[in-house]
Protein backbone atom coordinates (compact mmCIF):
# COMPACT_ATOMS: atom_id res chain seq x y z
CA MET A 1 162.39 -62.11 101.72
CA PHE A 2 162.70 -64.82 102.82
CA MET A 3 160.02 -67.72 103.27
CA PHE A 4 159.54 -71.23 104.34
CA ARG A 5 156.28 -72.33 104.18
CA LYS A 6 154.50 -75.81 103.83
CA TYR A 7 150.62 -76.71 102.39
CA LEU A 8 149.40 -79.95 103.48
CA ILE A 9 147.89 -83.10 102.53
CA VAL A 10 145.60 -83.82 105.14
CA LEU A 11 144.25 -87.48 105.24
CA ASP A 12 140.98 -88.80 106.87
CA ASN A 13 143.06 -90.65 109.16
CA ASP A 14 144.90 -87.29 110.12
CA LYS A 15 141.69 -86.04 110.64
CA LYS A 16 139.97 -88.86 113.03
CA TRP A 17 143.01 -88.11 115.31
CA GLY A 18 141.15 -85.18 116.67
CA PHE A 19 143.77 -82.19 115.96
CA TYR A 20 145.98 -81.81 112.84
CA LEU A 21 147.57 -79.39 111.05
CA ASN A 22 147.13 -78.21 107.43
CA ASN A 23 149.99 -75.09 106.85
CA ILE A 24 153.04 -74.03 109.26
CA GLY A 25 155.99 -71.30 107.62
CA ARG A 26 157.99 -68.59 108.77
CA THR A 27 158.61 -65.74 106.46
CA VAL A 28 160.77 -62.63 106.85
CA ILE A 29 158.93 -59.36 105.74
CA ASP A 30 161.73 -56.46 104.83
CA LYS A 31 161.20 -52.58 105.24
CA TYR A 32 158.72 -51.50 101.87
CA ASP A 33 158.63 -55.42 100.45
CA GLY A 34 154.84 -56.22 99.51
CA TYR A 35 152.18 -58.06 101.88
CA PRO A 36 150.99 -60.23 101.58
CA SER A 37 153.86 -62.04 100.21
CA LYS A 38 152.31 -64.20 96.67
CA ASN A 39 151.67 -67.45 95.69
CA HIS A 40 149.76 -69.10 98.45
CA PRO A 41 146.62 -71.08 97.58
CA GLU A 42 143.96 -69.33 96.55
CA ASN A 43 142.02 -70.00 99.65
CA TYR A 44 144.79 -68.40 102.35
CA THR A 45 145.24 -65.04 100.10
CA PHE A 46 143.77 -62.02 101.12
CA THR A 47 144.34 -58.45 100.17
CA TRP A 48 144.02 -55.17 102.66
CA ASP A 49 140.65 -53.96 101.20
CA LYS A 50 138.87 -57.15 101.78
CA GLY A 51 140.26 -58.85 104.50
CA ARG A 52 139.92 -62.52 104.63
CA ILE A 53 137.65 -65.45 106.51
CA LEU A 54 139.56 -68.88 106.90
CA ASN A 55 137.74 -72.24 107.69
CA GLU A 56 140.31 -73.35 110.23
CA PHE A 57 142.22 -72.20 113.43
CA HIS A 58 145.58 -69.90 112.74
CA LEU A 59 148.34 -68.92 115.19
CA VAL A 60 150.75 -66.18 114.43
CA LEU A 61 153.83 -65.24 116.12
CA ILE A 62 155.36 -62.19 115.49
CA THR A 63 159.32 -62.32 116.29
CA ASN A 64 160.79 -59.18 115.01
CA GLY A 65 159.24 -55.80 113.86
CA GLU A 66 155.55 -54.28 114.17
CA GLY A 67 152.03 -54.04 112.21
CA ILE A 68 148.36 -53.87 113.05
CA PHE A 69 145.95 -56.65 113.24
CA GLU A 70 142.33 -56.31 113.11
CA SER A 71 139.35 -58.82 113.28
CA GLU A 72 135.47 -57.93 112.94
CA ILE A 73 135.52 -58.69 116.76
CA THR A 74 138.61 -57.24 117.71
CA GLY A 75 138.69 -53.77 115.85
CA GLN A 76 142.29 -52.81 115.12
CA VAL A 77 145.17 -53.32 117.09
CA LYS A 78 148.84 -52.60 116.91
CA ILE A 79 151.18 -55.79 117.21
CA SER A 80 154.50 -55.49 118.49
CA HIS A 81 158.03 -57.84 118.51
CA GLY A 82 157.10 -61.12 120.40
CA ASP A 83 153.40 -61.03 120.09
CA THR A 84 151.11 -63.90 119.43
CA PHE A 85 147.77 -63.64 117.63
CA PHE A 86 145.29 -66.43 116.95
CA LEU A 87 142.65 -66.61 114.19
CA PHE A 88 139.11 -68.38 114.26
CA PRO A 89 137.16 -69.89 111.37
CA GLY A 90 134.30 -67.95 110.33
CA ILE A 91 136.08 -64.78 111.48
CA TRP A 92 136.69 -61.99 108.96
CA HIS A 93 140.44 -60.25 109.58
CA ARG A 94 143.40 -59.40 108.15
CA TYR A 95 146.26 -57.88 109.45
CA LYS A 96 150.16 -56.50 108.07
CA PRO A 97 154.00 -54.85 109.25
CA LYS A 98 154.22 -51.12 109.04
CA LYS A 99 155.94 -50.29 105.57
CA GLU A 100 159.05 -48.92 107.14
CA ILE A 101 159.24 -51.52 109.64
CA GLY A 102 158.42 -54.89 108.53
CA TRP A 103 158.41 -57.86 110.37
CA THR A 104 159.22 -61.71 110.91
CA GLU A 105 155.81 -64.06 110.92
CA HIS A 106 155.57 -67.82 112.43
CA TRP A 107 152.56 -69.51 111.41
CA ILE A 108 150.77 -72.86 111.55
CA GLY A 109 147.37 -73.53 110.79
CA PHE A 110 145.13 -76.10 113.01
CA SER A 111 141.65 -77.82 112.90
CA GLY A 112 140.28 -80.57 114.55
CA ASN A 113 137.05 -81.27 117.33
CA ILE A 114 140.30 -81.15 120.27
CA ALA A 115 140.58 -76.91 118.50
CA HIS A 116 136.67 -76.18 118.56
CA ASP A 117 137.05 -78.04 122.51
CA PHE A 118 139.65 -75.12 123.02
CA MET A 119 137.03 -72.23 121.70
CA ARG A 120 133.65 -74.11 123.26
CA ASN A 121 136.32 -74.04 126.64
CA GLY A 122 137.53 -70.72 126.64
CA PHE A 123 140.94 -71.54 126.39
CA LEU A 124 140.74 -69.47 122.70
CA ASN A 125 138.90 -66.58 122.48
CA ALA A 126 138.48 -64.51 119.54
CA LYS A 127 137.27 -61.50 121.82
CA ASP A 128 140.78 -61.84 123.17
CA PRO A 129 142.96 -63.38 120.78
CA ILE A 130 146.42 -61.87 121.11
CA ILE A 131 149.36 -62.35 123.62
CA SER A 132 152.22 -61.03 124.06
CA LYS A 133 155.89 -61.66 125.57
CA CYS A 134 156.05 -65.57 123.56
CA ASP A 135 159.34 -64.72 121.69
CA GLN A 136 160.30 -67.38 124.27
CA HIS A 137 163.38 -69.95 123.36
CA PHE A 138 161.08 -72.89 124.09
CA ILE A 139 158.11 -71.09 121.87
CA LEU A 140 160.59 -70.79 119.22
CA ASN A 141 161.98 -74.93 119.58
CA HIS A 142 158.22 -75.77 118.93
CA PHE A 143 158.11 -73.80 115.83
CA ASN A 144 161.90 -75.54 115.08
CA THR A 145 160.71 -79.14 115.24
CA LEU A 146 157.38 -78.38 113.62
CA PHE A 147 159.62 -77.10 110.34
CA LYS A 148 161.78 -79.68 110.53
CA LEU A 149 158.81 -82.25 111.05
CA PHE A 150 157.10 -81.02 108.05
CA ASP A 151 160.38 -80.42 105.85
CA GLU A 152 161.66 -84.43 107.08
CA GLN A 153 157.60 -86.09 106.51
CA PRO A 154 158.46 -89.20 108.67
CA PHE A 155 156.43 -91.30 109.51
CA GLY A 156 153.29 -90.41 111.55
CA TYR A 157 154.75 -86.93 111.24
CA GLN A 158 150.51 -85.62 111.39
CA ARG A 159 150.47 -87.38 114.53
CA ILE A 160 153.81 -86.28 116.32
CA ALA A 161 153.42 -82.54 114.71
CA SER A 162 149.48 -82.92 116.22
CA GLY A 163 151.30 -83.00 120.06
CA VAL A 164 153.79 -80.83 119.45
CA CYS A 165 151.33 -78.33 118.30
CA LEU A 166 149.29 -79.18 121.56
CA GLN A 167 151.99 -78.49 123.63
CA LEU A 168 153.55 -75.01 121.87
CA ILE A 169 149.53 -74.05 122.53
CA ALA A 170 149.72 -75.04 125.99
CA GLU A 171 153.19 -73.16 126.34
CA LEU A 172 151.15 -70.02 125.00
CA TYR A 173 148.25 -70.34 126.67
CA ASN A 174 150.51 -70.60 130.26
CA ILE A 175 151.87 -67.00 129.42
CA LYS A 176 148.25 -65.45 129.29
CA SER A 177 147.60 -67.37 132.27
CA GLY A 178 150.85 -66.37 134.12
CA GLY A 179 152.51 -63.72 132.10
CA THR A 180 155.93 -62.87 133.19
CA ASN A 181 156.00 -64.33 136.80
CA ILE A 182 155.34 -68.35 135.88
CA ASP A 183 158.86 -69.36 137.44
CA ASN A 184 157.32 -67.16 140.72
CA LEU A 185 153.97 -69.08 140.11
CA ASN A 186 155.75 -72.33 139.86
CA SER A 187 157.89 -72.28 143.00
CA LEU A 188 155.47 -70.70 145.12
CA VAL A 189 152.31 -73.15 144.56
CA THR A 190 154.70 -76.28 144.33
CA LYS A 191 155.90 -75.22 147.88
CA ALA A 192 152.39 -74.61 148.74
CA LYS A 193 150.86 -78.44 147.46
CA HIS A 194 153.98 -79.93 149.07
CA THR A 195 153.08 -78.29 152.03
CA MET A 196 149.43 -79.64 151.77
CA TYR A 197 150.64 -83.17 151.27
CA ARG A 198 152.73 -83.34 154.07
CA ASN A 199 149.85 -82.35 156.47
CA ILE A 200 146.81 -84.20 154.54
CA ASP A 201 146.69 -85.66 157.90
CA LYS A 202 146.32 -82.06 160.04
CA SER A 203 143.64 -79.27 159.60
CA ILE A 204 146.26 -76.67 158.32
CA ASN A 205 146.23 -72.65 158.05
CA LEU A 206 146.22 -71.47 154.52
CA ARG A 207 147.12 -67.84 155.59
CA THR A 208 149.35 -69.63 158.20
CA ILE A 209 150.95 -71.21 154.75
CA ALA A 210 150.91 -68.13 152.41
CA SER A 211 152.85 -66.19 155.30
CA SER A 212 155.14 -68.93 155.24
CA LEU A 213 156.02 -68.09 151.33
CA GLY A 214 156.27 -64.42 152.15
CA VAL A 215 152.92 -63.41 150.08
CA SER A 216 149.41 -62.06 151.28
CA TYR A 217 146.38 -64.68 151.90
CA SER A 218 145.00 -62.63 148.58
CA LYS A 219 147.78 -63.03 145.90
CA PHE A 220 148.73 -66.57 147.41
CA ARG A 221 145.37 -67.46 146.86
CA ILE A 222 145.14 -65.82 143.28
CA ASP A 223 148.39 -67.52 141.97
CA PHE A 224 147.38 -70.73 143.02
CA LYS A 225 143.83 -70.16 141.52
CA THR A 226 145.24 -69.06 138.47
CA GLN A 227 147.71 -72.14 138.01
CA THR A 228 145.41 -74.58 139.11
CA GLY A 229 141.76 -73.27 138.44
CA ILE A 230 140.62 -73.87 142.21
CA SER A 231 141.06 -72.36 145.19
CA PRO A 232 143.63 -73.39 147.78
CA LEU A 233 141.27 -74.95 149.92
CA GLN A 234 139.09 -76.65 147.63
CA TYR A 235 142.68 -78.27 146.47
CA TYR A 236 143.15 -79.38 150.17
CA ILE A 237 139.76 -81.12 150.16
CA LEU A 238 140.06 -82.42 147.18
CA ILE A 239 143.78 -84.01 147.93
CA LYS A 240 141.88 -85.44 151.07
CA ILE A 241 139.36 -86.92 149.43
CA GLU A 242 141.44 -88.55 147.37
CA LYS A 243 143.21 -89.71 149.96
CA SER A 244 139.94 -91.27 151.82
CA LYS A 245 138.70 -93.31 148.81
CA GLU A 246 141.90 -94.91 148.94
CA LEU A 247 141.97 -96.11 152.46
CA LEU A 248 137.96 -97.12 152.18
CA LEU A 249 139.04 -99.14 149.47
CA ASN A 250 142.82 -100.31 150.49
CA THR A 251 142.02 -100.96 154.44
CA ASN A 252 138.43 -101.80 156.91
CA LYS A 253 138.77 -98.51 158.66
CA SER A 254 135.46 -97.09 159.55
CA GLN A 255 134.10 -93.79 158.16
CA LYS A 256 134.92 -92.09 161.40
CA GLU A 257 138.08 -93.51 161.52
CA ILE A 258 139.28 -92.59 158.06
CA ALA A 259 137.48 -89.62 159.03
CA TYR A 260 139.77 -88.49 161.97
CA GLU A 261 142.92 -89.94 160.16
CA LEU A 262 142.86 -87.29 157.73
CA GLY A 263 141.76 -84.72 160.08
CA PHE A 264 138.31 -83.82 159.78
CA GLU A 265 136.48 -82.26 162.06
CA SER A 266 134.12 -84.79 162.50
CA ASP A 267 132.57 -88.03 160.29
CA VAL A 268 129.80 -86.21 159.56
CA TYR A 269 131.12 -83.18 157.99
CA PHE A 270 133.35 -85.55 156.30
CA ASN A 271 130.55 -87.69 154.83
CA ARG A 272 129.06 -84.48 153.34
CA LEU A 273 131.89 -83.18 152.31
CA PHE A 274 132.65 -86.51 150.22
CA LYS A 275 129.35 -86.82 149.05
CA ARG A 276 129.43 -83.48 147.40
CA LYS A 277 132.84 -83.96 145.78
CA THR A 278 132.12 -87.97 144.38
CA GLY A 279 127.80 -87.73 144.07
CA VAL A 280 127.85 -90.54 146.37
CA ALA A 281 128.55 -91.34 150.49
CA PRO A 282 131.93 -93.11 151.57
CA GLY A 283 129.71 -96.54 152.43
CA LYS A 284 128.16 -96.39 149.30
CA TYR A 285 131.59 -95.71 147.42
CA ARG A 286 133.33 -98.57 149.23
CA ASN A 287 130.71 -101.24 148.27
CA LEU A 288 129.72 -99.76 144.63
CA SER A 289 133.98 -100.12 143.85
CA LYS A 290 134.20 -103.44 145.76
CA ASN A 291 131.19 -104.98 143.66
CA ASN A 292 132.81 -103.78 140.51
CA LEU A 293 136.23 -105.73 141.40
């Protein structure tokens, strides 16, 4: 068995940052080794029979081997090489490698208001805690950076580590959302955005964009929304609205001139869209912004 682990002293200033790490480690469990490994602090120890409830979040990455994960919400699930699973505060769970195989686990324990916001907003979900195909070089690089930080503990290491861990969670979420198609997603959506910006003063056909990218419109719409959170049409409208704000503040052009310049079918339609997206009419937006300068 090989083990690296750190249980950290967390100060009030660390907690005020909004996201902080409590512990971190890596353990190689050889086949037929006892599990869990011993000598963890009392509030982290558990047995398979009793399981455990934590008062913090954990993410656990398995980079070799396979085993079982179980929580009160998911039931029992098989865990394999490349899987990451999240543990949630207040939720009973247990996990272990197969005796005849073993596994290598990397883990991070973290807390803070930002972590709870991820859960409230659905980015972390106790009903769906497992992400597959996470044994990517950039994921392991984040772990190695954190191991080095907590081994050396330079000035402000908790704050630096919080940023690295947030990036790690973002990468894991991207893998969950985009799967193995992330590179294609990036290429397709980036090209579509460039086309929209180049044609911000026109009324473009989004189906034509999809065709030029070699995909059906339904796939284009799904992939675009997967990456951005909104449909291609709504994104195109938003960039037009942002451009109209710039013209309202930095030119003397009338609302009708701006609507025409940005390819809206009429100034009435432009006014309605602008108010729907910003909460105020274009003229009021111009006056309010100038009064606040």
